[in-house]
Amino acid sequence: MTTEYRSAPITEGNLNAFRITVTPFRHLLPHDVIGSNDKADAAPSALKLHWRHHSVATDIPRYPHDKAPRGFFRDRSFAKLVLDDSGAEVGDTVVFEKLGSHEFRLHVEKPSGRRIS
């Protein structure tokens, strides 16, 4: 059985800021992928994300003042690629298909259940 996690539904703000919200399952991700608020001080490990023939290694940044992890990936250019390339719309979700402890293939899922991969 494949393990899958779902992002929060995509909002207009997500589309404008190029963010895929992972808050619903962030607590299930390895703790070593949480970096600082400064990209020069990235996490000890990265998550490898795949979208079609593209891949990226990225971490999750922290808020600068309270040190809590943020709800999205640091590499927003990859999120932009996924959102733009899939034609994602408000209400869609991003499905994270777990390939390994630190590796996921992404799919965009429409409210109807149809997936774009």
PDB file of N, CA and C in Angstrom:
ATOM      1  N   MET A   1       0.842  -1.181   0.000  1.00  0.00           N
ATOM      2  CA  MET A   1       0.000   0.000   0.000  1.00  0.00           C
ATOM      3  C   MET A   1       0.893   1.253   0.000  1.00  0.00           C
ATOM      4  N   THR A   2       0.556   2.182  -0.821  1.00  0.00           N
ATOM      5  CA  THR A   2       1.314   3.420  -0.934  1.00  0.00           C
ATOM      6  C   THR A   2       0.865   4.404   0.148  1.00  0.00           C
ATOM      7  N   THR A   3       1.831   5.034   0.802  1.00  0.00           N
ATOM      8  CA  THR A   3       1.512   6.070   1.773  1.00  0.00           C
ATOM      9  C   THR A   3       1.428   7.399   1.049  1.00  0.00           C
ATOM     10  N   GLU A   4       0.348   8.123   1.297  1.00  0.00           N
ATOM     11  CA  GLU A   4       0.154   9.435   0.680  1.00  0.00           C
ATOM     12  C   GLU A   4      -0.237  10.449   1.743  1.00  0.00           C
ATOM     13  N   TYR A   5       0.237  11.660   1.544  1.00  0.00           N
ATOM     14  CA  TYR A   5      -0.147  12.794   2.381  1.00  0.00           C
ATOM     15  C   TYR A   5      -0.751  13.852   1.474  1.00  0.00           C
ATOM     16  N   ARG A   6      -1.670  14.653   2.005  1.00  0.00           N
ATOM     17  CA  ARG A   6      -2.323  15.703   1.217  1.00  0.00           C
ATOM     18  C   ARG A   6      -2.041  17.079   1.804  1.00  0.00           C
ATOM     19  N   SER A   7      -1.768  18.011   0.905  1.00  0.00           N
ATOM     20  CA  SER A   7      -1.596  19.404   1.311  1.00  0.00           C
ATOM     21  C   SER A   7      -2.943  19.972   1.732  1.00  0.00           C
ATOM     22  N   ALA A   8      -2.899  21.137   2.328  1.00  0.00           N
ATOM     23  CA  ALA A   8      -4.136  21.884   2.541  1.00  0.00           C
ATOM     24  C   ALA A   8      -4.652  22.283   1.158  1.00  0.00           C
ATOM     25  N   PRO A   9      -5.964  22.481   0.994  1.00  0.00           N
ATOM     26  CA  PRO A   9      -6.471  22.925  -0.302  1.00  0.00           C
ATOM     27  C   PRO A   9      -5.761  24.214  -0.747  1.00  0.00           C
ATOM     28  N   ILE A  10      -5.484  24.282  -2.022  1.00  0.00           N
ATOM     29  CA  ILE A  10      -4.791  25.435  -2.594  1.00  0.00           C
ATOM     30  C   ILE A  10      -5.712  26.651  -2.548  1.00  0.00           C
ATOM     31  N   THR A  11      -5.139  27.765  -2.124  1.00  0.00           N
ATOM     32  CA  THR A  11      -5.866  29.029  -2.053  1.00  0.00           C
ATOM     33  C   THR A  11      -5.283  29.994  -3.081  1.00  0.00           C
ATOM     34  N   GLU A  12      -5.956  31.108  -3.258  1.00  0.00           N
ATOM     35  CA  GLU A  12      -5.429  32.162  -4.137  1.00  0.00           C
ATOM     36  C   GLU A  12      -4.070  32.643  -3.620  1.00  0.00           C
ATOM     37  N   GLY A  13      -3.958  32.752  -2.303  1.00  0.00           N
ATOM     38  CA  GLY A  13      -2.689  33.154  -1.700  1.00  0.00           C
ATOM     39  C   GLY A  13      -1.558  32.188  -2.013  1.00  0.00           C
ATOM     40  N   ASN A  14      -1.866  30.871  -1.993  1.00  0.00           N
ATOM     41  CA  ASN A  14      -0.849  29.872  -2.359  1.00  0.00           C
ATOM     42  C   ASN A  14      -0.386  30.065  -3.790  1.00  0.00           C
ATOM     43  N   LEU A  15      -1.331  30.303  -4.681  1.00  0.00           N
ATOM     44  CA  LEU A  15      -0.980  30.482  -6.091  1.00  0.00           C
ATOM     45  C   LEU A  15      -0.136  31.744  -6.288  1.00  0.00           C
ATOM     46  N   ASN A  16      -0.473  32.809  -5.573  1.00  0.00           N
ATOM     47  CA  ASN A  16       0.261  34.072  -5.716  1.00  0.00           C
ATOM     48  C   ASN A  16       1.653  34.015  -5.091  1.00  0.00           C
ATOM     49  N   ALA A  17       1.799  33.269  -3.996  1.00  0.00           N
ATOM     50  CA  ALA A  17       3.074  33.214  -3.275  1.00  0.00           C
ATOM     51  C   ALA A  17       3.886  31.960  -3.607  1.00  0.00           C
ATOM     52  N   PHE A  18       3.349  31.102  -4.464  1.00  0.00           N
ATOM     53  CA  PHE A  18       4.039  29.863  -4.868  1.00  0.00           C
ATOM     54  C   PHE A  18       4.338  28.985  -3.657  1.00  0.00           C
ATOM     55  N   ARG A  19       3.294  28.656  -2.916  1.00  0.00           N
ATOM     56  CA  ARG A  19       3.433  27.828  -1.726  1.00  0.00           C
ATOM     57  C   ARG A  19       2.492  26.641  -1.788  1.00  0.00           C
ATOM     58  N   ILE A  20       3.018  25.501  -1.431  1.00  0.00           N
ATOM     59  CA  ILE A  20       2.220  24.291  -1.238  1.00  0.00           C
ATOM     60  C   ILE A  20       2.212  24.060   0.273  1.00  0.00           C
ATOM     61  N   THR A  21       1.047  24.132   0.891  1.00  0.00           N
ATOM     62  CA  THR A  21       0.936  24.082   2.344  1.00  0.00           C
ATOM     63  C   THR A  21       0.970  22.646   2.850  1.00  0.00           C
ATOM     64  N   VAL A  22       2.012  22.340   3.626  1.00  0.00           N
ATOM     65  CA  VAL A  22       2.212  20.989   4.146  1.00  0.00           C
ATOM     66  C   VAL A  22       1.850  20.869   5.625  1.00  0.00           C
ATOM     67  N   THR A  23       1.241  21.903   6.173  1.00  0.00           N
ATOM     68  CA  THR A  23       0.888  21.916   7.598  1.00  0.00           C
ATOM     69  C   THR A  23       0.082  20.686   8.022  1.00  0.00           C
ATOM     70  N   PRO A  24      -0.867  20.170   7.198  1.00  0.00           N
ATOM     71  CA  PRO A  24      -1.651  19.019   7.657  1.00  0.00           C
ATOM     72  C   PRO A  24      -0.822  17.773   7.977  1.00  0.00           C
ATOM     73  N   PHE A  25       0.348  17.619   7.360  1.00  0.00           N
ATOM     74  CA  PHE A  25       1.150  16.419   7.619  1.00  0.00           C
ATOM     75  C   PHE A  25       2.598  16.735   8.004  1.00  0.00           C
ATOM     76  N   ARG A  26       2.890  17.970   8.274  1.00  0.00           N
ATOM     77  CA  ARG A  26       4.272  18.361   8.606  1.00  0.00           C
ATOM     78  C   ARG A  26       4.824  17.547   9.767  1.00  0.00           C
ATOM     79  N   HIS A  27       3.986  17.246  10.753  1.00  0.00           N
ATOM     80  CA  HIS A  27       4.432  16.472  11.919  1.00  0.00           C
ATOM     81  C   HIS A  27       4.830  15.035  11.570  1.00  0.00           C
ATOM     82  N   LEU A  28       4.460  14.558  10.388  1.00  0.00           N
ATOM     83  CA  LEU A  28       4.810  13.206   9.947  1.00  0.00           C
ATOM     84  C   LEU A  28       6.126  13.169   9.164  1.00  0.00           C
ATOM     85  N   LEU A  29       6.660  14.332   8.839  1.00  0.00           N
ATOM     86  CA  LEU A  29       7.919  14.411   8.090  1.00  0.00           C
ATOM     87  C   LEU A  29       9.099  14.240   9.046  1.00  0.00           C
ATOM     88  N   PRO A  30      10.235  13.777   8.529  1.00  0.00           N
ATOM     89  CA  PRO A  30      11.415  13.635   9.397  1.00  0.00           C
ATOM     90  C   PRO A  30      11.811  14.980  10.008  1.00  0.00           C
ATOM     91  N   HIS A  31      12.196  14.959  11.267  1.00  0.00           N
ATOM     92  CA  HIS A  31      12.555  16.193  11.977  1.00  0.00           C
ATOM     93  C   HIS A  31      13.813  16.846  11.426  1.00  0.00           C
ATOM     94  N   ASP A  32      14.660  16.065  10.756  1.00  0.00           N
ATOM     95  CA  ASP A  32      15.919  16.627  10.262  1.00  0.00           C
ATOM     96  C   ASP A  32      15.763  17.432   8.977  1.00  0.00           C
ATOM     97  N   VAL A  33      14.530  17.648   8.517  1.00  0.00           N
ATOM     98  CA  VAL A  33      14.297  18.477   7.322  1.00  0.00           C
ATOM     99  C   VAL A  33      13.814  19.881   7.683  1.00  0.00           C
ATOM    100  N   ILE A  34      13.829  20.202   8.975  1.00  0.00           N
ATOM    101  CA  ILE A  34      13.438  21.538   9.429  1.00  0.00           C
ATOM    102  C   ILE A  34      14.709  22.371   9.582  1.00  0.00           C
ATOM    103  N   GLY A  35      14.827  23.409   8.781  1.00  0.00           N
ATOM    104  CA  GLY A  35      15.990  24.287   8.820  1.00  0.00           C
ATOM    105  C   GLY A  35      15.710  25.543   9.623  1.00  0.00           C
ATOM    106  N   SER A  36      16.607  26.490   9.517  1.00  0.00           N
ATOM    107  CA  SER A  36      16.412  27.767  10.203  1.00  0.00           C
ATOM    108  C   SER A  36      15.616  28.700   9.293  1.00  0.00           C
ATOM    109  N   ASN A  37      15.436  29.927   9.722  1.00  0.00           N
ATOM    110  CA  ASN A  37      14.745  30.894   8.874  1.00  0.00           C
ATOM    111  C   ASN A  37      15.672  31.414   7.778  1.00  0.00           C
ATOM    112  N   ASP A  38      16.972  31.185   7.905  1.00  0.00           N
ATOM    113  CA  ASP A  38      17.965  31.655   6.945  1.00  0.00           C
ATOM    114  C   ASP A  38      18.357  30.514   6.011  1.00  0.00           C
ATOM    115  N   LYS A  39      18.188  30.701   4.711  1.00  0.00           N
ATOM    116  CA  LYS A  39      18.494  29.609   3.787  1.00  0.00           C
ATOM    117  C   LYS A  39      19.971  29.219   3.792  1.00  0.00           C
ATOM    118  N   ALA A  40      20.833  30.081   4.306  1.00  0.00           N
ATOM    119  CA  ALA A  40      22.251  29.731   4.437  1.00  0.00           C
ATOM    120  C   ALA A  40      22.455  28.690   5.542  1.00  0.00           C
ATOM    121  N   ASP A  41      21.459  28.520   6.395  1.00  0.00           N
ATOM    122  CA  ASP A  41      21.518  27.555   7.491  1.00  0.00           C
ATOM    123  C   ASP A  41      20.386  26.544   7.296  1.00  0.00           C
ATOM    124  N   ALA A  42      20.484  25.806   6.207  1.00  0.00           N
ATOM    125  CA  ALA A  42      19.448  24.835   5.854  1.00  0.00           C
ATOM    126  C   ALA A  42      19.444  23.658   6.832  1.00  0.00           C
ATOM    127  N   ALA A  43      18.438  22.839   6.732  1.00  0.00           N
ATOM    128  CA  ALA A  43      18.300  21.659   7.581  1.00  0.00           C
ATOM    129  C   ALA A  43      19.427  20.663   7.312  1.00  0.00           C
ATOM    130  N   PRO A  44      19.720  19.790   8.267  1.00  0.00           N
ATOM    131  CA  PRO A  44      20.764  18.786   8.067  1.00  0.00           C
ATOM    132  C   PRO A  44      20.456  17.831   6.913  1.00  0.00           C
ATOM    133  N   SER A  45      19.181  17.574   6.667  1.00  0.00           N
ATOM    134  CA  SER A  45      18.761  16.716   5.560  1.00  0.00           C
ATOM    135  C   SER A  45      17.714  17.456   4.742  1.00  0.00           C
ATOM    136  N   ALA A  46      17.517  16.994   3.535  1.00  0.00           N
ATOM    137  CA  ALA A  46      16.522  17.609   2.651  1.00  0.00           C
ATOM    138  C   ALA A  46      15.508  16.556   2.228  1.00  0.00           C
ATOM    139  N   LEU A  47      14.358  17.043   1.822  1.00  0.00           N
ATOM    140  CA  LEU A  47      13.370  16.183   1.187  1.00  0.00           C
ATOM    141  C   LEU A  47      13.595  16.255  -0.313  1.00  0.00           C
ATOM    142  N   LYS A  48      13.523  15.132  -0.968  1.00  0.00           N
ATOM    143  CA  LYS A  48      13.624  15.111  -2.423  1.00  0.00           C
ATOM    144  C   LYS A  48      12.201  15.002  -2.967  1.00  0.00           C
ATOM    145  N   LEU A  49      11.810  15.996  -3.753  1.00  0.00           N
ATOM    146  CA  LEU A  49      10.466  16.050  -4.333  1.00  0.00           C
ATOM    147  C   LEU A  49      10.574  15.875  -5.832  1.00  0.00           C
ATOM    148  N   HIS A  50       9.642  15.107  -6.400  1.00  0.00           N
ATOM    149  CA  HIS A  50       9.623  14.849  -7.838  1.00  0.00           C
ATOM    150  C   HIS A  50       8.295  15.329  -8.425  1.00  0.00           C
ATOM    151  N   TRP A  51       8.375  16.004  -9.530  1.00  0.00           N
ATOM    152  CA  TRP A  51       7.199  16.388 -10.313  1.00  0.00           C
ATOM    153  C   TRP A  51       7.542  16.120 -11.776  1.00  0.00           C
ATOM    154  N   ARG A  52       6.828  15.180 -12.366  1.00  0.00           N
ATOM    155  CA  ARG A  52       7.103  14.774 -13.740  1.00  0.00           C
ATOM    156  C   ARG A  52       8.589  14.464 -13.865  1.00  0.00           C
ATOM    157  N   HIS A  53       9.321  15.111 -14.749  1.00  0.00           N
ATOM    158  CA  HIS A  53      10.759  14.811 -14.892  1.00  0.00           C
ATOM    159  C   HIS A  53      11.642  15.795 -14.127  1.00  0.00           C
ATOM    160  N   HIS A  54      11.043  16.581 -13.239  1.00  0.00           N
ATOM    161  CA  HIS A  54      11.787  17.557 -12.429  1.00  0.00           C
ATOM    162  C   HIS A  54      11.939  17.028 -10.999  1.00  0.00           C
ATOM    163  N   SER A  55      13.019  17.413 -10.349  1.00  0.00           N
ATOM    164  CA  SER A  55      13.252  17.056  -8.942  1.00  0.00           C
ATOM    165  C   SER A  55      13.916  18.224  -8.235  1.00  0.00           C
ATOM    166  N   VAL A  56      13.749  18.260  -6.931  1.00  0.00           N
ATOM    167  CA  VAL A  56      14.401  19.274  -6.106  1.00  0.00           C
ATOM    168  C   VAL A  56      14.677  18.672  -4.732  1.00  0.00           C
ATOM    169  N   ALA A  57      15.727  19.149  -4.108  1.00  0.00           N
ATOM    170  CA  ALA A  57      15.999  18.841  -2.704  1.00  0.00           C
ATOM    171  C   ALA A  57      15.740  20.125  -1.934  1.00  0.00           C
ATOM    172  N   THR A  58      14.876  20.060  -0.938  1.00  0.00           N
ATOM    173  CA  THR A  58      14.497  21.263  -0.196  1.00  0.00           C
ATOM    174  C   THR A  58      14.201  20.922   1.255  1.00  0.00           C
ATOM    175  N   ASP A  59      14.153  21.941   2.083  1.00  0.00           N
ATOM    176  CA  ASP A  59      13.812  21.768   3.488  1.00  0.00           C
ATOM    177  C   ASP A  59      12.618  22.654   3.831  1.00  0.00           C
ATOM    178  N   ILE A  60      12.263  22.654   5.101  1.00  0.00           N
ATOM    179  CA  ILE A  60      11.179  23.500   5.594  1.00  0.00           C
ATOM    180  C   ILE A  60      11.809  24.559   6.493  1.00  0.00           C
ATOM    181  N   PRO A  61      11.586  25.840   6.190  1.00  0.00           N
ATOM    182  CA  PRO A  61      12.181  26.884   7.030  1.00  0.00           C
ATOM    183  C   PRO A  61      11.402  27.065   8.330  1.00  0.00           C
ATOM    184  N   ARG A  62      12.012  27.797   9.247  1.00  0.00           N
ATOM    185  CA  ARG A  62      11.361  28.166  10.505  1.00  0.00           C
ATOM    186  C   ARG A  62      10.962  29.630  10.441  1.00  0.00           C
ATOM    187  N   TYR A  63      10.020  30.012  11.295  1.00  0.00           N
ATOM    188  CA  TYR A  63       9.712  31.427  11.477  1.00  0.00           C
ATOM    189  C   TYR A  63      10.915  32.082  12.144  1.00  0.00           C
ATOM    190  N   PRO A  64      11.219  33.333  11.821  1.00  0.00           N
ATOM    191  CA  PRO A  64      12.424  33.957  12.370  1.00  0.00           C
ATOM    192  C   PRO A  64      12.410  34.209  13.876  1.00  0.00           C
ATOM    193  N   HIS A  65      11.262  34.439  14.472  1.00  0.00           N
ATOM    194  CA  HIS A  65      11.255  34.850  15.881  1.00  0.00           C
ATOM    195  C   HIS A  65      10.885  33.743  16.855  1.00  0.00           C
ATOM    196  N   ASP A  66       9.897  32.914  16.512  1.00  0.00           N
ATOM    197  CA  ASP A  66       9.481  31.913  17.493  1.00  0.00           C
ATOM    198  C   ASP A  66      10.056  30.524  17.213  1.00  0.00           C
ATOM    199  N   LYS A  67      10.785  30.389  16.134  1.00  0.00           N
ATOM    200  CA  LYS A  67      11.493  29.153  15.789  1.00  0.00           C
ATOM    201  C   LYS A  67      10.583  27.985  15.420  1.00  0.00           C
ATOM    202  N   ALA A  68       9.294  28.219  15.283  1.00  0.00           N
ATOM    203  CA  ALA A  68       8.382  27.155  14.857  1.00  0.00           C
ATOM    204  C   ALA A  68       8.568  26.904  13.361  1.00  0.00           C
ATOM    205  N   PRO A  69       8.398  25.651  12.921  1.00  0.00           N
ATOM    206  CA  PRO A  69       8.511  25.379  11.492  1.00  0.00           C
ATOM    207  C   PRO A  69       7.367  26.032  10.719  1.00  0.00           C
ATOM    208  N   ARG A  70       7.680  26.488   9.533  1.00  0.00           N
ATOM    209  CA  ARG A  70       6.659  27.070   8.668  1.00  0.00           C
ATOM    210  C   ARG A  70       5.889  25.941   8.003  1.00  0.00           C
ATOM    211  N   GLY A  71       4.870  26.278   7.259  1.00  0.00           N
ATOM    212  CA  GLY A  71       3.999  25.263   6.674  1.00  0.00           C
ATOM    213  C   GLY A  71       4.214  25.036   5.199  1.00  0.00           C
ATOM    214  N   PHE A  72       5.402  25.358   4.692  1.00  0.00           N
ATOM    215  CA  PHE A  72       5.670  25.189   3.266  1.00  0.00           C
ATOM    216  C   PHE A  72       7.157  24.923   3.062  1.00  0.00           C
ATOM    217  N   PHE A  73       7.518  24.517   1.846  1.00  0.00           N
ATOM    218  CA  PHE A  73       8.914  24.234   1.521  1.00  0.00           C
ATOM    219  C   PHE A  73       9.675  25.510   1.194  1.00  0.00           C
ATOM    220  N   ARG A  74      10.947  25.507   1.503  1.00  0.00           N
ATOM    221  CA  ARG A  74      11.786  26.676   1.249  1.00  0.00           C
ATOM    222  C   ARG A  74      11.875  26.980  -0.254  1.00  0.00           C
ATOM    223  N   ASP A  75      12.014  25.949  -1.083  1.00  0.00           N
ATOM    224  CA  ASP A  75      12.190  26.158  -2.521  1.00  0.00           C
ATOM    225  C   ASP A  75      10.834  26.414  -3.177  1.00  0.00           C
ATOM    226  N   ARG A  76      10.463  27.678  -3.238  1.00  0.00           N
ATOM    227  CA  ARG A  76       9.163  28.028  -3.816  1.00  0.00           C
ATOM    228  C   ARG A  76       9.205  28.050  -5.332  1.00  0.00           C
ATOM    229  N   SER A  77      10.386  28.076  -5.938  1.00  0.00           N
ATOM    230  CA  SER A  77      10.449  28.012  -7.400  1.00  0.00           C
ATOM    231  C   SER A  77       9.957  26.644  -7.877  1.00  0.00           C
ATOM    232  N   PHE A  78      10.216  25.596  -7.092  1.00  0.00           N
ATOM    233  CA  PHE A  78       9.711  24.271  -7.447  1.00  0.00           C
ATOM    234  C   PHE A  78       8.191  24.230  -7.271  1.00  0.00           C
ATOM    235  N   ALA A  79       7.694  24.842  -6.200  1.00  0.00           N
ATOM    236  CA  ALA A  79       6.245  24.915  -6.006  1.00  0.00           C
ATOM    237  C   ALA A  79       5.593  25.660  -7.167  1.00  0.00           C
ATOM    238  N   LYS A  80       6.222  26.736  -7.619  1.00  0.00           N
ATOM    239  CA  LYS A  80       5.702  27.495  -8.769  1.00  0.00           C
ATOM    240  C   LYS A  80       5.635  26.605 -10.002  1.00  0.00           C
ATOM    241  N   LEU A  81       6.696  25.827 -10.227  1.00  0.00           N
ATOM    242  CA  LEU A  81       6.728  24.914 -11.366  1.00  0.00           C
ATOM    243  C   LEU A  81       5.560  23.932 -11.299  1.00  0.00           C
ATOM    244  N   VAL A  82       5.362  23.308 -10.141  1.00  0.00           N
ATOM    245  CA  VAL A  82       4.282  22.328  -9.990  1.00  0.00           C
ATOM    246  C   VAL A  82       2.925  22.987 -10.197  1.00  0.00           C
ATOM    247  N   LEU A  83       2.694  24.115  -9.537  1.00  0.00           N
ATOM    248  CA  LEU A  83       1.399  24.787  -9.631  1.00  0.00           C
ATOM    249  C   LEU A  83       1.117  25.274 -11.051  1.00  0.00           C
ATOM    250  N   ASP A  84       2.110  25.874 -11.689  1.00  0.00           N
ATOM    251  CA  ASP A  84       1.929  26.373 -13.058  1.00  0.00           C
ATOM    252  C   ASP A  84       1.778  25.231 -14.056  1.00  0.00           C
ATOM    253  N   ASP A  85       2.673  24.252 -13.974  1.00  0.00           N
ATOM    254  CA  ASP A  85       2.706  23.161 -14.948  1.00  0.00           C
ATOM    255  C   ASP A  85       1.443  22.293 -14.887  1.00  0.00           C
ATOM    256  N   SER A  86       0.869  22.169 -13.695  1.00  0.00           N
ATOM    257  CA  SER A  86      -0.330  21.336 -13.535  1.00  0.00           C
ATOM    258  C   SER A  86      -1.613  22.103 -13.832  1.00  0.00           C
ATOM    259  N   GLY A  87      -1.515  23.431 -13.899  1.00  0.00           N
ATOM    260  CA  GLY A  87      -2.719  24.235 -14.042  1.00  0.00           C
ATOM    261  C   GLY A  87      -3.543  24.235 -12.766  1.00  0.00           C
ATOM    262  N   ALA A  88      -2.867  24.115 -11.625  1.00  0.00           N
ATOM    263  CA  ALA A  88      -3.553  24.053 -10.326  1.00  0.00           C
ATOM    264  C   ALA A  88      -4.469  25.252 -10.143  1.00  0.00           C
ATOM    265  N   GLU A  89      -5.596  24.995  -9.488  1.00  0.00           N
ATOM    266  CA  GLU A  89      -6.599  26.020  -9.227  1.00  0.00           C
ATOM    267  C   GLU A  89      -6.976  26.002  -7.759  1.00  0.00           C
ATOM    268  N   VAL A  90      -7.609  27.069  -7.320  1.00  0.00           N
ATOM    269  CA  VAL A  90      -8.110  27.139  -5.949  1.00  0.00           C
ATOM    270  C   VAL A  90      -8.981  25.917  -5.679  1.00  0.00           C
ATOM    271  N   GLY A  91      -8.738  25.260  -4.550  1.00  0.00           N
ATOM    272  CA  GLY A  91      -9.514  24.080  -4.172  1.00  0.00           C
ATOM    273  C   GLY A  91      -8.835  22.759  -4.483  1.00  0.00           C
ATOM    274  N   ASP A  92      -7.844  22.769  -5.376  1.00  0.00           N
ATOM    275  CA  ASP A  92      -7.078  21.551  -5.658  1.00  0.00           C
ATOM    276  C   ASP A  92      -6.195  21.247  -4.452  1.00  0.00           C
ATOM    277  N   THR A  93      -5.707  20.024  -4.360  1.00  0.00           N
ATOM    278  CA  THR A  93      -4.733  19.660  -3.330  1.00  0.00           C
ATOM    279  C   THR A  93      -3.526  19.026  -4.013  1.00  0.00           C
ATOM    280  N   VAL A  94      -2.404  19.055  -3.307  1.00  0.00           N
ATOM    281  CA  VAL A  94      -1.209  18.381  -3.801  1.00  0.00           C
ATOM    282  C   VAL A  94      -1.057  17.109  -2.980  1.00  0.00           C
ATOM    283  N   VAL A  95      -0.958  15.994  -3.671  1.00  0.00           N
ATOM    284  CA  VAL A  95      -0.792  14.699  -3.037  1.00  0.00           C
ATOM    285  C   VAL A  95       0.694  14.352  -3.063  1.00  0.00           C
ATOM    286  N   PHE A  96       1.215  13.982  -1.900  1.00  0.00           N
ATOM    287  CA  PHE A  96       2.611  13.591  -1.747  1.00  0.00           C
ATOM    288  C   PHE A  96       2.650  12.074  -1.619  1.00  0.00           C
ATOM    289  N   GLU A  97       3.104  11.407  -2.656  1.00  0.00           N
ATOM    290  CA  GLU A  97       3.234   9.948  -2.652  1.00  0.00           C
ATOM    291  C   GLU A  97       4.612   9.616  -2.081  1.00  0.00           C
ATOM    292  N   LYS A  98       4.623   8.930  -0.977  1.00  0.00           N
ATOM    293  CA  LYS A  98       5.882   8.640  -0.284  1.00  0.00           C
ATOM    294  C   LYS A  98       6.648   7.548  -1.017  1.00  0.00           C
ATOM    295  N   LEU A  99       7.878   7.870  -1.414  1.00  0.00           N
ATOM    296  CA  LEU A  99       8.753   6.914  -2.090  1.00  0.00           C
ATOM    297  C   LEU A  99       9.828   6.377  -1.149  1.00  0.00           C
ATOM    298  N   GLY A 100      10.139   7.142  -0.128  1.00  0.00           N
ATOM    299  CA  GLY A 100      11.152   6.784   0.857  1.00  0.00           C
ATOM    300  C   GLY A 100      11.016   7.728   2.034  1.00  0.00           C
ATOM    301  N   SER A 101      11.874   7.586   3.028  1.00  0.00           N
ATOM    302  CA  SER A 101      11.736   8.408   4.231  1.00  0.00           C
ATOM    303  C   SER A 101      11.850   9.899   3.949  1.00  0.00           C
ATOM    304  N   HIS A 102      12.626  10.258   2.928  1.00  0.00           N
ATOM    305  CA  HIS A 102      12.861  11.667   2.591  1.00  0.00           C
ATOM    306  C   HIS A 102      12.542  11.964   1.124  1.00  0.00           C
ATOM    307  N   GLU A 103      11.676  11.157   0.513  1.00  0.00           N
ATOM    308  CA  GLU A 103      11.436  11.312  -0.931  1.00  0.00           C
ATOM    309  C   GLU A 103       9.957  11.134  -1.263  1.00  0.00           C
ATOM    310  N   PHE A 104       9.456  12.064  -2.111  1.00  0.00           N
ATOM    311  CA  PHE A 104       8.042  12.061  -2.494  1.00  0.00           C
ATOM    312  C   PHE A 104       7.857  12.406  -3.964  1.00  0.00           C
ATOM    313  N   ARG A 105       6.859  11.783  -4.582  1.00  0.00           N
ATOM    314  CA  ARG A 105       6.398  12.180  -5.917  1.00  0.00           C
ATOM    315  C   ARG A 105       5.120  12.968  -5.707  1.00  0.00           C
ATOM    316  N   LEU A 106       5.003  14.114  -6.406  1.00  0.00           N
ATOM    317  CA  LEU A 106       3.851  14.989  -6.244  1.00  0.00           C
ATOM    318  C   LEU A 106       2.833  14.786  -7.364  1.00  0.00           C
ATOM    319  N   HIS A 107       1.568  14.909  -6.995  1.00  0.00           N
ATOM    320  CA  HIS A 107       0.438  14.862  -7.914  1.00  0.00           C
ATOM    321  C   HIS A 107      -0.502  15.992  -7.513  1.00  0.00           C
ATOM    322  N   VAL A 108      -1.158  16.596  -8.456  1.00  0.00           N
ATOM    323  CA  VAL A 108      -2.181  17.596  -8.148  1.00  0.00           C
ATOM    324  C   VAL A 108      -3.529  16.923  -8.324  1.00  0.00           C
ATOM    325  N   GLU A 109      -4.374  17.043  -7.308  1.00  0.00           N
ATOM    326  CA  GLU A 109      -5.665  16.377  -7.333  1.00  0.00           C
ATOM    327  C   GLU A 109      -6.790  17.406  -7.353  1.00  0.00           C
ATOM    328  N   LYS A 110      -7.673  17.259  -8.306  1.00  0.00           N
ATOM    329  CA  LYS A 110      -8.851  18.110  -8.438  1.00  0.00           C
ATOM    330  C   LYS A 110      -9.906  17.660  -7.427  1.00  0.00           C
ATOM    331  N   PRO A 111     -10.835  18.538  -7.047  1.00  0.00           N
ATOM    332  CA  PRO A 111     -11.906  18.142  -6.120  1.00  0.00           C
ATOM    333  C   PRO A 111     -12.683  16.912  -6.604  1.00  0.00           C
ATOM    334  N   SER A 112     -12.717  16.682  -7.912  1.00  0.00           N
ATOM    335  CA  SER A 112     -13.416  15.510  -8.465  1.00  0.00           C
ATOM    336  C   SER A 112     -12.653  14.218  -8.218  1.00  0.00           C
ATOM    337  N   GLY A 113     -11.390  14.318  -7.794  1.00  0.00           N
ATOM    338  CA  GLY A 113     -10.556  13.136  -7.595  1.00  0.00           C
ATOM    339  C   GLY A 113      -9.600  12.873  -8.743  1.00  0.00           C
ATOM    340  N   ARG A 114      -9.772  13.592  -9.852  1.00  0.00           N
ATOM    341  CA  ARG A 114      -8.871  13.416 -10.998  1.00  0.00           C
ATOM    342  C   ARG A 114      -7.481  13.939 -10.637  1.00  0.00           C
ATOM    343  N   ARG A 115      -6.472  13.147 -10.979  1.00  0.00           N
ATOM    344  CA  ARG A 115      -5.083  13.518 -10.662  1.00  0.00           C
ATOM    345  C   ARG A 115      -4.329  13.969 -11.902  1.00  0.00           C
ATOM    346  N   ILE A 116      -3.489  14.951 -11.692  1.00  0.00           N
ATOM    347  CA  ILE A 116      -2.568  15.409 -12.723  1.00  0.00           C
ATOM    348  C   ILE A 116      -1.167  15.048 -12.224  1.00  0.00           C
ATOM    349  N   SER A 117      -0.488  14.262 -13.022  1.00  0.00           N
ATOM    350  CA  SER A 117       0.843  13.792 -12.618  1.00  0.00           C
ATOM    351  C   SER A 117       1.872  14.052 -13.680  1.00  0.00           C
TER     352      SER A 117
END
